[in-house]
Amino acid sequence: MQRSSAARINDISRQILGEFRPKAQPSLPCNIFINHRGVDTKKNVAGLLYDHLHCLRLRPFLDSKSMKPGDKLFDKIDTAIRECKVGVAVFSPMYCDSYFCLHELSLMMESRKRVIPIFCDIKPSDLRIKNDGSCPAHKLDKFRRALVEARYTVGVTFDTSRGDWTEFLASATDAVIKNIIEVEEESVIKKNNNLHCSPDQESISTIYNPKVANQPA
């Protein structure tokens, strides 16, 4: 009897704990996509920026920290780019040697994302596509257009050997937050504009939908 009572108490305890255990929440899409060349910046600029933004609960995406074994590389990265609000492109000396870096940059530009360039140990004028014959011509053209657009976007410049890391992180984070706020404000304005139909639009809808015009007052 004692064992039976103890077993029943344990069952009841498990049920109670199960009811109060927090349910798993669906993962939210990332706010910031960090585009970078891992061999140059994963362990310093990109990695530290990710950790800093993550501590602020801004939901950044960095491939080495946001993906797990079994994830499809392009599917996961392309989805993160399309869902993000702001992109951060960390340009470095070996950036343009990477097909993946250029693919991500061009997708961010094609998706009309806000992109904040960080020129890390490199000048914007030194960013050039290197054609080794392995990439189709139409993709090279896309990469060049994306790179030109990034070069002519105001960004953050940082020298990893002589720069102030605290100041850099504060400046980069400030730029990210300001751009996220602007993107969200633009989204709200766009939604409000779509909700309010102008008189001209109402008259056009009446012309193409006679039933609306014939409805009794």
C-alpha atoms as a PDB file:
ATOM      1  CA  MET A   1       0.000   0.000   0.000  1.00  0.00           C
ATOM      2  CA  GLN A   2       2.810   2.378   0.841  1.00  0.00           C
ATOM      3  CA  ARG A   3       4.466   1.823  -2.538  1.00  0.00           C
ATOM      4  CA  SER A   4       1.146   2.249  -4.319  1.00  0.00           C
ATOM      5  CA  SER A   5       0.429   5.535  -2.516  1.00  0.00           C
ATOM      6  CA  ALA A   6       3.920   6.821  -3.268  1.00  0.00           C
ATOM      7  CA  ALA A   7       3.508   5.954  -6.933  1.00  0.00           C
ATOM      8  CA  ARG A   8       0.179   7.810  -7.084  1.00  0.00           C
ATOM      9  CA  ILE A   9       1.724  10.857  -5.429  1.00  0.00           C
ATOM     10  CA  ASN A  10       4.542  10.829  -7.986  1.00  0.00           C
ATOM     11  CA  ASP A  11       2.040  10.599 -10.855  1.00  0.00           C
ATOM     12  CA  ILE A  12       0.049  13.537  -9.497  1.00  0.00           C
ATOM     13  CA  SER A  13       3.253  15.563  -9.026  1.00  0.00           C
ATOM     14  CA  ARG A  14       4.297  14.928 -12.623  1.00  0.00           C
ATOM     15  CA  GLN A  15       0.867  16.040 -13.874  1.00  0.00           C
ATOM     16  CA  ILE A  16       1.000  19.242 -11.852  1.00  0.00           C
ATOM     17  CA  LEU A  17       4.530  20.032 -12.979  1.00  0.00           C
ATOM     18  CA  GLY A  18       3.542  19.284 -16.561  1.00  0.00           C
ATOM     19  CA  GLU A  19       0.682  21.769 -16.410  1.00  0.00           C
ATOM     20  CA  PHE A  20       2.901  24.541 -15.112  1.00  0.00           C
ATOM     21  CA  ARG A  21       5.922  23.778 -17.271  1.00  0.00           C
ATOM     22  CA  PRO A  22       6.324  26.597 -19.849  1.00  0.00           C
ATOM     23  CA  LYS A  23       5.440  25.479 -23.353  1.00  0.00           C
ATOM     24  CA  ALA A  24       8.060  25.826 -26.059  1.00  0.00           C
ATOM     25  CA  GLN A  25       7.641  29.050 -27.972  1.00  0.00           C
ATOM     26  CA  PRO A  26       8.012  29.094 -31.761  1.00  0.00           C
ATOM     27  CA  SER A  27      11.343  30.587 -32.810  1.00  0.00           C
ATOM     28  CA  LEU A  28      11.081  34.132 -34.102  1.00  0.00           C
ATOM     29  CA  PRO A  29      12.784  35.217 -37.332  1.00  0.00           C
ATOM     30  CA  CYS A  30      16.071  37.045 -37.006  1.00  0.00           C
ATOM     31  CA  ASN A  31      16.177  40.847 -37.012  1.00  0.00           C
ATOM     32  CA  ILE A  32      19.757  41.222 -38.199  1.00  0.00           C
ATOM     33  CA  PHE A  33      21.657  39.116 -40.713  1.00  0.00           C
ATOM     34  CA  ILE A  34      25.447  39.307 -40.316  1.00  0.00           C
ATOM     35  CA  ASN A  35      27.178  38.724 -43.646  1.00  0.00           C
ATOM     36  CA  HIS A  36      30.922  38.093 -43.169  1.00  0.00           C
ATOM     37  CA  ARG A  37      33.984  36.120 -44.238  1.00  0.00           C
ATOM     38  CA  GLY A  38      34.524  33.620 -41.454  1.00  0.00           C
ATOM     39  CA  VAL A  39      38.272  33.201 -41.867  1.00  0.00           C
ATOM     40  CA  ASP A  40      38.730  36.973 -41.365  1.00  0.00           C
ATOM     41  CA  THR A  41      36.131  38.037 -38.828  1.00  0.00           C
ATOM     42  CA  LYS A  42      34.235  35.106 -37.256  1.00  0.00           C
ATOM     43  CA  LYS A  43      36.360  35.147 -34.100  1.00  0.00           C
ATOM     44  CA  ASN A  44      36.561  38.916 -33.735  1.00  0.00           C
ATOM     45  CA  VAL A  45      34.376  41.541 -35.431  1.00  0.00           C
ATOM     46  CA  ALA A  46      31.440  39.384 -36.570  1.00  0.00           C
ATOM     47  CA  GLY A  47      31.505  37.105 -33.518  1.00  0.00           C
ATOM     48  CA  LEU A  48      31.711  39.927 -30.983  1.00  0.00           C
ATOM     49  CA  LEU A  49      29.009  41.918 -32.762  1.00  0.00           C
ATOM     50  CA  TYR A  50      26.728  38.867 -32.762  1.00  0.00           C
ATOM     51  CA  ASP A  51      27.277  38.305 -29.025  1.00  0.00           C
ATOM     52  CA  HIS A  52      26.666  41.981 -28.264  1.00  0.00           C
ATOM     53  CA  LEU A  53      23.434  42.127 -30.284  1.00  0.00           C
ATOM     54  CA  HIS A  54      22.300  38.789 -28.844  1.00  0.00           C
ATOM     55  CA  CYS A  55      22.746  40.128 -25.299  1.00  0.00           C
ATOM     56  CA  LEU A  56      20.433  42.995 -26.281  1.00  0.00           C
ATOM     57  CA  ARG A  57      17.863  40.406 -27.492  1.00  0.00           C
ATOM     58  CA  LEU A  58      17.894  41.757 -31.029  1.00  0.00           C
ATOM     59  CA  ARG A  59      17.888  38.268 -32.651  1.00  0.00           C
ATOM     60  CA  PRO A  60      20.986  38.420 -34.894  1.00  0.00           C
ATOM     61  CA  PHE A  61      21.871  35.633 -37.338  1.00  0.00           C
ATOM     62  CA  LEU A  62      25.438  34.374 -37.711  1.00  0.00           C
ATOM     63  CA  ASP A  63      25.890  31.107 -39.593  1.00  0.00           C
ATOM     64  CA  SER A  64      28.365  29.573 -37.116  1.00  0.00           C
ATOM     65  CA  LYS A  65      26.075  30.309 -34.149  1.00  0.00           C
ATOM     66  CA  SER A  66      22.572  30.196 -35.633  1.00  0.00           C
ATOM     67  CA  MET A  67      22.763  26.926 -37.570  1.00  0.00           C
ATOM     68  CA  LYS A  68      22.962  23.328 -36.417  1.00  0.00           C
ATOM     69  CA  PRO A  69      24.163  20.102 -38.041  1.00  0.00           C
ATOM     70  CA  GLY A  70      21.616  18.960 -40.613  1.00  0.00           C
ATOM     71  CA  ASP A  71      20.465  22.453 -41.685  1.00  0.00           C
ATOM     72  CA  LYS A  72      20.449  23.052 -45.429  1.00  0.00           C
ATOM     73  CA  LEU A  73      23.026  25.786 -45.991  1.00  0.00           C
ATOM     74  CA  PHE A  74      21.364  27.888 -48.693  1.00  0.00           C
ATOM     75  CA  ASP A  75      17.812  27.280 -47.430  1.00  0.00           C
ATOM     76  CA  LYS A  76      18.618  28.428 -43.910  1.00  0.00           C
ATOM     77  CA  ILE A  77      20.727  31.417 -44.931  1.00  0.00           C
ATOM     78  CA  ASP A  78      18.442  32.616 -47.731  1.00  0.00           C
ATOM     79  CA  THR A  79      15.402  32.394 -45.439  1.00  0.00           C
ATOM     80  CA  ALA A  80      17.207  34.358 -42.728  1.00  0.00           C
ATOM     81  CA  ILE A  81      18.098  37.085 -45.233  1.00  0.00           C
ATOM     82  CA  ARG A  82      14.527  37.369 -46.523  1.00  0.00           C
ATOM     83  CA  GLU A  83      13.081  37.509 -42.999  1.00  0.00           C
ATOM     84  CA  CYS A  84      15.571  39.947 -41.474  1.00  0.00           C
ATOM     85  CA  LYS A  85      14.948  43.673 -41.111  1.00  0.00           C
ATOM     86  CA  VAL A  86      18.553  44.836 -41.406  1.00  0.00           C
ATOM     87  CA  GLY A  87      21.682  43.330 -42.894  1.00  0.00           C
ATOM     88  CA  VAL A  88      25.232  43.925 -41.687  1.00  0.00           C
ATOM     89  CA  ALA A  89      27.952  43.318 -44.273  1.00  0.00           C
ATOM     90  CA  VAL A  90      31.373  42.926 -42.648  1.00  0.00           C
ATOM     91  CA  PHE A  91      33.856  43.558 -45.459  1.00  0.00           C
ATOM     92  CA  SER A  92      37.396  42.266 -44.908  1.00  0.00           C
ATOM     93  CA  PRO A  93      40.523  41.578 -47.017  1.00  0.00           C
ATOM     94  CA  MET A  94      39.402  38.083 -48.093  1.00  0.00           C
ATOM     95  CA  TYR A  95      35.673  38.868 -48.372  1.00  0.00           C
ATOM     96  CA  CYS A  96      35.540  39.038 -52.174  1.00  0.00           C
ATOM     97  CA  ASP A  97      37.236  35.634 -52.475  1.00  0.00           C
ATOM     98  CA  SER A  98      34.093  33.974 -51.126  1.00  0.00           C
ATOM     99  CA  TYR A  99      31.172  33.013 -53.367  1.00  0.00           C
ATOM    100  CA  PHE A 100      28.952  32.658 -50.294  1.00  0.00           C
ATOM    101  CA  CYS A 101      29.690  36.179 -49.042  1.00  0.00           C
ATOM    102  CA  LEU A 102      28.888  37.685 -52.443  1.00  0.00           C
ATOM    103  CA  HIS A 103      25.765  35.551 -52.828  1.00  0.00           C
ATOM    104  CA  GLU A 104      24.456  36.732 -49.449  1.00  0.00           C
ATOM    105  CA  LEU A 105      25.248  40.371 -50.232  1.00  0.00           C
ATOM    106  CA  SER A 106      23.524  40.260 -53.616  1.00  0.00           C
ATOM    107  CA  LEU A 107      20.445  38.587 -52.093  1.00  0.00           C
ATOM    108  CA  MET A 108      20.229  41.298 -49.423  1.00  0.00           C
ATOM    109  CA  MET A 109      20.397  43.979 -52.117  1.00  0.00           C
ATOM    110  CA  GLU A 110      17.857  42.211 -54.338  1.00  0.00           C
ATOM    111  CA  SER A 111      15.519  41.871 -51.349  1.00  0.00           C
ATOM    112  CA  ARG A 112      15.867  45.635 -50.758  1.00  0.00           C
ATOM    113  CA  LYS A 113      17.127  45.175 -47.223  1.00  0.00           C
ATOM    114  CA  ARG A 114      18.788  47.957 -45.282  1.00  0.00           C
ATOM    115  CA  VAL A 115      22.472  47.037 -45.356  1.00  0.00           C
ATOM    116  CA  ILE A 116      25.030  48.543 -42.966  1.00  0.00           C
ATOM    117  CA  PRO A 117      28.566  48.093 -44.319  1.00  0.00           C
ATOM    118  CA  ILE A 118      31.439  47.571 -41.889  1.00  0.00           C
ATOM    119  CA  PHE A 119      34.766  48.098 -43.633  1.00  0.00           C
ATOM    120  CA  CYS A 120      37.136  46.051 -41.520  1.00  0.00           C
ATOM    121  CA  ASP A 121      40.836  46.444 -42.383  1.00  0.00           C
ATOM    122  CA  ILE A 122      39.895  47.382 -45.941  1.00  0.00           C
ATOM    123  CA  LYS A 123      38.896  50.488 -47.888  1.00  0.00           C
ATOM    124  CA  PRO A 124      35.649  50.518 -49.915  1.00  0.00           C
ATOM    125  CA  SER A 125      37.653  51.253 -53.084  1.00  0.00           C
ATOM    126  CA  ASP A 126      39.675  48.051 -52.574  1.00  0.00           C
ATOM    127  CA  LEU A 127      36.614  45.790 -52.795  1.00  0.00           C
ATOM    128  CA  ARG A 128      36.759  44.101 -56.184  1.00  0.00           C
ATOM    129  CA  ILE A 129      35.359  40.904 -57.685  1.00  0.00           C
ATOM    130  CA  LYS A 130      38.020  38.381 -58.642  1.00  0.00           C
ATOM    131  CA  ASN A 131      37.049  36.361 -61.696  1.00  0.00           C
ATOM    132  CA  ASP A 132      38.748  32.966 -61.677  1.00  0.00           C
ATOM    133  CA  GLY A 133      36.394  31.509 -64.279  1.00  0.00           C
ATOM    134  CA  SER A 134      34.426  29.378 -61.805  1.00  0.00           C
ATOM    135  CA  CYS A 135      31.407  31.700 -61.555  1.00  0.00           C
ATOM    136  CA  PRO A 136      28.867  32.299 -64.376  1.00  0.00           C
ATOM    137  CA  ALA A 137      28.952  35.752 -65.971  1.00  0.00           C
ATOM    138  CA  HIS A 138      25.387  36.670 -64.931  1.00  0.00           C
ATOM    139  CA  LYS A 139      26.200  35.970 -61.283  1.00  0.00           C
ATOM    140  CA  LEU A 140      29.380  38.008 -61.472  1.00  0.00           C
ATOM    141  CA  ASP A 141      27.304  40.928 -62.762  1.00  0.00           C
ATOM    142  CA  LYS A 142      24.904  40.563 -59.809  1.00  0.00           C
ATOM    143  CA  PHE A 143      27.802  40.449 -57.377  1.00  0.00           C
ATOM    144  CA  ARG A 144      29.420  43.551 -58.903  1.00  0.00           C
ATOM    145  CA  ARG A 145      26.180  45.549 -58.706  1.00  0.00           C
ATOM    146  CA  ALA A 146      25.684  44.553 -55.072  1.00  0.00           C
ATOM    147  CA  LEU A 147      29.272  45.438 -54.220  1.00  0.00           C
ATOM    148  CA  VAL A 148      29.005  48.855 -55.890  1.00  0.00           C
ATOM    149  CA  GLU A 149      25.796  49.587 -53.985  1.00  0.00           C
ATOM    150  CA  ALA A 150      27.485  48.633 -50.702  1.00  0.00           C
ATOM    151  CA  ARG A 151      30.566  50.718 -51.467  1.00  0.00           C
ATOM    152  CA  TYR A 152      28.390  53.796 -51.868  1.00  0.00           C
ATOM    153  CA  THR A 153      26.451  53.217 -48.636  1.00  0.00           C
ATOM    154  CA  VAL A 154      27.527  55.035 -45.482  1.00  0.00           C
ATOM    155  CA  GLY A 155      29.019  52.513 -43.091  1.00  0.00           C
ATOM    156  CA  VAL A 156      31.404  51.929 -40.207  1.00  0.00           C
ATOM    157  CA  THR A 157      35.176  51.753 -40.661  1.00  0.00           C
ATOM    158  CA  PHE A 158      37.321  49.767 -38.239  1.00  0.00           C
ATOM    159  CA  ASP A 159      41.003  48.893 -37.898  1.00  0.00           C
ATOM    160  CA  THR A 160      41.281  45.697 -35.848  1.00  0.00           C
ATOM    161  CA  SER A 161      44.909  46.336 -34.853  1.00  0.00           C
ATOM    162  CA  ARG A 162      44.584  49.951 -33.701  1.00  0.00           C
ATOM    163  CA  GLY A 163      40.855  50.572 -33.252  1.00  0.00           C
ATOM    164  CA  ASP A 164      38.902  50.937 -30.023  1.00  0.00           C
ATOM    165  CA  TRP A 165      36.776  47.778 -29.741  1.00  0.00           C
ATOM    166  CA  THR A 166      34.357  49.238 -27.201  1.00  0.00           C
ATOM    167  CA  GLU A 167      33.756  52.280 -29.366  1.00  0.00           C
ATOM    168  CA  PHE A 168      33.335  50.104 -32.453  1.00  0.00           C
ATOM    169  CA  LEU A 169      30.731  47.840 -30.840  1.00  0.00           C
ATOM    170  CA  ALA A 170      28.804  50.861 -29.550  1.00  0.00           C
ATOM    171  CA  SER A 171      28.884  52.572 -32.955  1.00  0.00           C
ATOM    172  CA  ALA A 172      27.880  49.452 -34.908  1.00  0.00           C
ATOM    173  CA  THR A 173      25.099  48.576 -32.458  1.00  0.00           C
ATOM    174  CA  ASP A 174      23.775  52.143 -32.548  1.00  0.00           C
ATOM    175  CA  ALA A 175      23.653  52.021 -36.360  1.00  0.00           C
ATOM    176  CA  VAL A 176      21.818  48.673 -36.288  1.00  0.00           C
ATOM    177  CA  ILE A 177      19.207  49.840 -33.773  1.00  0.00           C
ATOM    178  CA  LYS A 178      18.545  53.116 -35.607  1.00  0.00           C
ATOM    179  CA  ASN A 179      18.036  51.289 -38.900  1.00  0.00           C
ATOM    180  CA  ILE A 180      15.711  48.713 -37.326  1.00  0.00           C
ATOM    181  CA  ILE A 181      13.603  51.521 -35.861  1.00  0.00           C
ATOM    182  CA  GLU A 182      13.417  53.269 -39.249  1.00  0.00           C
ATOM    183  CA  VAL A 183      12.453  50.027 -41.021  1.00  0.00           C
ATOM    184  CA  GLU A 184       9.692  49.348 -38.478  1.00  0.00           C
ATOM    185  CA  GLU A 185       8.382  52.921 -38.771  1.00  0.00           C
ATOM    186  CA  GLU A 186       8.302  52.634 -42.563  1.00  0.00           C
ATOM    187  CA  SER A 187       6.437  49.333 -42.252  1.00  0.00           C
ATOM    188  CA  VAL A 188       3.799  50.908 -39.973  1.00  0.00           C
ATOM    189  CA  ILE A 189       3.330  53.871 -42.341  1.00  0.00           C
ATOM    190  CA  LYS A 190       2.965  51.524 -45.315  1.00  0.00           C
ATOM    191  CA  LYS A 191       0.346  49.425 -43.507  1.00  0.00           C
ATOM    192  CA  ASN A 192      -1.608  52.523 -42.486  1.00  0.00           C
ATOM    193  CA  ASN A 193      -1.555  53.825 -46.045  1.00  0.00           C
ATOM    194  CA  ASN A 194      -2.886  50.514 -47.332  1.00  0.00           C
ATOM    195  CA  LEU A 195      -5.738  50.600 -44.810  1.00  0.00           C
ATOM    196  CA  HIS A 196      -6.944  54.019 -45.934  1.00  0.00           C
ATOM    197  CA  CYS A 197      -8.261  53.879 -49.471  1.00  0.00           C
ATOM    198  CA  SER A 198      -8.225  57.217 -51.305  1.00  0.00           C
ATOM    199  CA  PRO A 199     -11.428  58.615 -52.965  1.00  0.00           C
ATOM    200  CA  ASP A 200      -9.961  57.970 -56.411  1.00  0.00           C
ATOM    201  CA  GLN A 201      -9.278  54.359 -55.492  1.00  0.00           C
ATOM    202  CA  GLU A 202     -12.851  54.011 -54.197  1.00  0.00           C
ATOM    203  CA  SER A 203     -14.290  55.357 -57.454  1.00  0.00           C
ATOM    204  CA  ILE A 204     -12.088  53.000 -59.458  1.00  0.00           C
ATOM    205  CA  SER A 205     -13.234  50.031 -57.367  1.00  0.00           C
ATOM    206  CA  THR A 206     -16.851  51.098 -58.001  1.00  0.00           C
ATOM    207  CA  ILE A 207     -16.280  51.168 -61.777  1.00  0.00           C
ATOM    208  CA  TYR A 208     -14.792  47.692 -61.809  1.00  0.00           C
ATOM    209  CA  ASN A 209     -17.272  46.312 -59.284  1.00  0.00           C
ATOM    210  CA  PRO A 210     -20.801  47.419 -60.342  1.00  0.00           C
ATOM    211  CA  LYS A 211     -22.381  45.539 -57.429  1.00  0.00           C
ATOM    212  CA  VAL A 212     -20.869  48.065 -55.060  1.00  0.00           C
ATOM    213  CA  ALA A 213     -22.483  50.970 -56.911  1.00  0.00           C
ATOM    214  CA  ASN A 214     -25.890  49.283 -57.071  1.00  0.00           C
ATOM    215  CA  GLN A 215     -26.114  48.461 -53.391  1.00  0.00           C
ATOM    216  CA  PRO A 216     -29.045  50.231 -51.623  1.00  0.00           C
ATOM    217  CA  ALA A 217     -28.055  53.079 -49.294  1.00  0.00           C
END
